[in-house]
């Protein structure tokens, strides 16, 4: 066996090549989802399958690459926000968000999973927060007060689990001040939607 063949069999080199390949593939999938979501047919499908009546929300979702299939990922957007509260989403927080996604029935081979993963790798734009608020407004429109309160409580619990996943500040298993602030602001925004509806 020659030296060049030994270099080609380097496990680190092979791992880097595999990572690069899958990163490119994931990028292509995300690009395709964004194109599909922003197309006229993608917007029509979103309106038809979800009953969303707000044209601004549909436009924002299209810009974010959210199709009808990925709309469930928007429900978990607050978990993404708390993961980014400390300026970066670490591996433990990512794992905690994805564990919550699995519990909601989002599987690794779904486009919703890919979208969540993308949000955890690159901080979503501010437009995503606006879209989430509009989405909550739409959701709350058809929900009872009891269901609204239950969703707020579940969201707060999920966000707290994600915040605690990385050990909080200095690794003591606490929620940091920034994470706590993000949770409080998110819950306040949800409660405000109850008053609006």
Protein backbone atom coordinates (compact mmCIF):
# COMPACT_ATOMS: atom_id res chain seq x y z
CA UNK A 1 0.00 0.00 0.00
CA UNK A 2 1.41 3.41 -0.96
CA UNK A 3 1.65 6.47 1.27
CA UNK A 4 -0.99 8.28 -0.80
CA UNK A 5 -3.44 5.40 -0.23
CA UNK A 6 -2.77 5.61 3.50
CA UNK A 7 -3.65 9.32 3.44
CA UNK A 8 -6.91 8.53 1.69
CA UNK A 9 -7.82 6.06 4.44
CA UNK A 10 -7.31 8.62 7.21
CA UNK A 11 -10.45 8.41 9.40
CA UNK A 12 -10.33 12.13 10.20
CA UNK A 13 -10.15 12.98 6.49
CA UNK A 14 -13.08 10.65 5.76
CA UNK A 15 -15.11 12.17 8.61
CA UNK A 16 -14.43 15.70 7.29
CA UNK A 17 -15.46 14.65 3.78
CA UNK A 18 -18.68 13.09 5.10
CA UNK A 19 -19.46 16.19 7.16
CA UNK A 20 -18.86 18.44 4.14
CA UNK A 21 -21.07 16.24 1.94
CA UNK A 22 -23.96 16.20 4.39
CA UNK A 23 -23.65 19.94 5.07
CA UNK A 24 -23.91 20.61 1.33
CA UNK A 25 -26.84 18.23 1.02
CA UNK A 26 -28.63 19.85 3.96
CA UNK A 27 -27.99 23.29 2.43
CA UNK A 28 -29.57 22.13 -0.83
CA UNK A 29 -32.60 20.75 1.02
CA UNK A 30 -33.05 23.99 2.97
CA UNK A 31 -32.75 26.03 -0.24
CA UNK A 32 -35.36 23.83 -1.94
CA UNK A 33 -37.72 24.23 1.04
CA UNK A 34 -37.32 28.01 0.95
CA UNK A 35 -38.06 28.12 -2.78
CA UNK A 36 -41.08 25.85 -2.33
CA UNK A 37 -42.41 27.88 0.60
CA UNK A 38 -42.09 31.22 -1.18
CA UNK A 39 -43.79 30.01 -4.39
CA UNK A 40 -47.43 30.82 -5.12
CA UNK A 41 -48.38 27.14 -4.87
CA UNK A 42 -46.51 26.83 -1.55
CA UNK A 43 -48.40 29.79 -0.10
CA UNK A 44 -51.73 28.43 -1.38
CA UNK A 45 -51.01 25.03 0.20
CA UNK A 46 -50.14 26.70 3.52
CA UNK A 47 -53.43 28.62 3.52
CA UNK A 48 -55.45 25.57 2.46
CA UNK A 49 -53.96 23.08 4.89
CA UNK A 50 -53.72 25.34 7.95
CA UNK A 51 -56.60 27.76 7.57
CA UNK A 52 -54.31 30.71 8.28
CA UNK A 53 -56.17 33.85 7.31
CA UNK A 54 -53.41 36.43 7.81
CA UNK A 55 -51.77 37.17 4.42
CA UNK A 56 -48.80 38.88 6.12
CA UNK A 57 -48.13 35.74 8.15
CA UNK A 58 -48.27 33.58 5.02
CA UNK A 59 -45.80 35.95 3.29
CA UNK A 60 -43.44 35.91 6.30
CA UNK A 61 -43.58 32.12 6.52
CA UNK A 62 -42.70 31.92 2.82
CA UNK A 63 -39.67 34.17 3.33
CA UNK A 64 -38.55 31.93 6.21
CA UNK A 65 -38.93 28.77 4.15
CA UNK A 66 -41.77 27.40 6.26
CA UNK A 67 -44.19 25.20 4.31
CA UNK A 68 -47.33 23.53 5.64
CA UNK A 69 -45.27 20.47 6.61
CA UNK A 70 -42.86 22.58 8.66
CA UNK A 71 -45.47 24.71 10.40
CA UNK A 72 -45.24 22.50 13.50
CA UNK A 73 -41.62 23.63 13.86
CA UNK A 74 -42.87 27.18 14.44
CA UNK A 75 -44.65 25.91 17.57
CA UNK A 76 -41.17 25.08 18.95
CA UNK A 77 -39.62 28.41 17.93
CA UNK A 78 -39.59 29.70 21.55
CA UNK A 79 -37.24 26.83 22.40
CA UNK A 80 -34.92 28.00 19.64
CA UNK A 81 -35.06 31.55 21.03
CA UNK A 82 -34.03 30.41 24.52
CA UNK A 83 -31.25 28.27 23.03
CA UNK A 84 -29.83 31.45 21.41
CA UNK A 85 -30.29 33.63 24.53
CA UNK A 86 -26.58 33.35 25.40
CA UNK A 87 -25.43 34.38 21.88
CA UNK A 88 -24.92 30.76 20.78
CA UNK A 89 -26.96 27.57 20.83
CA UNK A 90 -24.76 24.85 22.30
CA UNK A 91 -24.94 21.09 21.73
CA UNK A 92 -26.85 20.33 24.94
CA UNK A 93 -29.49 22.94 24.10
CA UNK A 94 -29.78 21.61 20.56
CA UNK A 95 -30.26 18.10 21.90
CA UNK A 96 -32.91 19.36 24.33
CA UNK A 97 -34.84 21.15 21.54
CA UNK A 98 -34.68 18.08 19.32
CA UNK A 99 -35.83 15.85 22.20
CA UNK A 100 -38.90 18.08 22.56
CA UNK A 101 -39.42 17.86 18.79
CA UNK A 102 -39.32 14.06 18.94
CA UNK A 103 -41.92 14.09 21.73
CA UNK A 104 -44.17 16.17 19.46
CA UNK A 105 -43.83 13.63 16.67
CA UNK A 106 -41.26 15.50 14.56
CA UNK A 107 -38.87 12.88 13.19
CA UNK A 108 -35.31 13.17 11.94
CA UNK A 109 -36.31 12.48 8.34
CA UNK A 110 -38.88 15.29 8.23
CA UNK A 111 -38.51 18.75 6.72
CA UNK A 112 -39.67 20.24 10.06
CA UNK A 113 -36.63 18.59 11.70
CA UNK A 114 -34.31 20.05 9.05
CA UNK A 115 -35.78 23.51 9.58
CA UNK A 116 -35.40 23.30 13.38
CA UNK A 117 -31.83 22.08 12.95
CA UNK A 118 -31.10 24.99 10.62
CA UNK A 119 -32.47 27.47 13.18
CA UNK A 120 -30.20 25.95 15.82
CA UNK A 121 -27.11 26.15 13.59
CA UNK A 122 -27.68 29.73 12.41
CA UNK A 123 -29.58 32.29 14.45
CA UNK A 124 -32.95 32.88 12.77
CA UNK A 125 -33.64 36.43 11.56
CA UNK A 126 -35.90 38.77 13.53
CA UNK A 127 -38.58 38.06 10.95
CA UNK A 128 -38.95 34.60 12.50
CA UNK A 129 -39.96 36.10 15.85
CA UNK A 130 -42.59 38.26 14.13
CA UNK A 131 -43.89 35.22 12.24
CA UNK A 132 -44.06 33.22 15.49
CA UNK A 133 -46.12 35.99 17.16
CA UNK A 134 -48.53 36.07 14.22
CA UNK A 135 -48.71 32.28 14.29
CA UNK A 136 -49.62 32.29 18.01
CA UNK A 137 -52.27 34.93 17.31
CA UNK A 138 -53.77 32.72 14.60
CA UNK A 139 -53.58 29.60 16.80
CA UNK A 140 -55.18 31.30 19.79
CA UNK A 141 -58.04 32.61 17.64
CA UNK A 142 -59.65 29.16 17.51
CA UNK A 143 -58.59 27.83 20.94
CA UNK A 144 -60.46 27.86 24.22
CA UNK A 145 -59.02 29.85 27.15
CA UNK A 146 -58.14 26.59 28.89
CA UNK A 147 -56.22 25.34 25.85
CA UNK A 148 -54.47 28.70 25.48
CA UNK A 149 -53.35 28.64 29.13
CA UNK A 150 -52.22 25.03 28.79
CA UNK A 151 -50.11 25.85 25.70
CA UNK A 152 -48.50 28.77 27.54
CA UNK A 153 -47.64 26.53 30.50
CA UNK A 154 -46.23 23.75 28.29
CA UNK A 155 -44.16 26.28 26.30
CA UNK A 156 -42.74 27.75 29.52
CA UNK A 157 -41.84 24.27 30.80
CA UNK A 158 -40.19 23.30 27.49
CA UNK A 159 -38.19 26.55 27.35
CA UNK A 160 -37.02 26.03 30.93
CA UNK A 161 -35.85 22.49 30.13
CA UNK A 162 -33.84 23.80 27.17
CA UNK A 163 -32.34 26.60 29.29
CA UNK A 164 -31.29 24.12 31.98
CA UNK A 165 -29.81 21.69 29.44
CA UNK A 166 -26.50 23.51 29.16
CA UNK A 167 -26.16 23.97 32.90
CA UNK A 168 -27.13 27.62 32.92
CA UNK A 169 -24.52 30.19 33.89
CA UNK A 170 -21.22 28.70 35.12
CA UNK A 171 -22.57 25.16 34.74
CA UNK A 172 -24.64 25.04 37.93
CA UNK A 173 -27.83 23.75 36.29
CA UNK A 174 -29.60 27.05 36.64
CA UNK A 175 -31.32 29.26 34.13
CA UNK A 176 -29.18 32.29 33.30
CA UNK A 177 -30.51 35.84 33.54
CA UNK A 178 -30.63 36.14 29.72
CA UNK A 179 -32.47 32.83 29.38
CA UNK A 180 -34.91 33.81 32.13
CA UNK A 181 -35.56 37.13 30.40
CA UNK A 182 -36.19 35.36 27.07
CA UNK A 183 -38.64 32.97 28.74
CA UNK A 184 -40.47 35.82 30.52
CA UNK A 185 -40.73 37.91 27.33
CA UNK A 186 -42.02 34.95 25.33
CA UNK A 187 -44.65 34.02 27.90
CA UNK A 188 -45.71 37.68 28.18
CA UNK A 189 -46.09 37.83 24.37
CA UNK A 190 -48.27 34.71 24.46
CA UNK A 191 -50.44 36.08 27.28
CA UNK A 192 -50.84 39.31 25.33
CA UNK A 193 -52.28 37.31 22.42
CA UNK A 194 -55.01 35.99 24.73
CA UNK A 195 -56.03 39.58 25.49
CA UNK A 196 -55.98 40.51 21.78
CA UNK A 197 -58.20 37.56 20.81
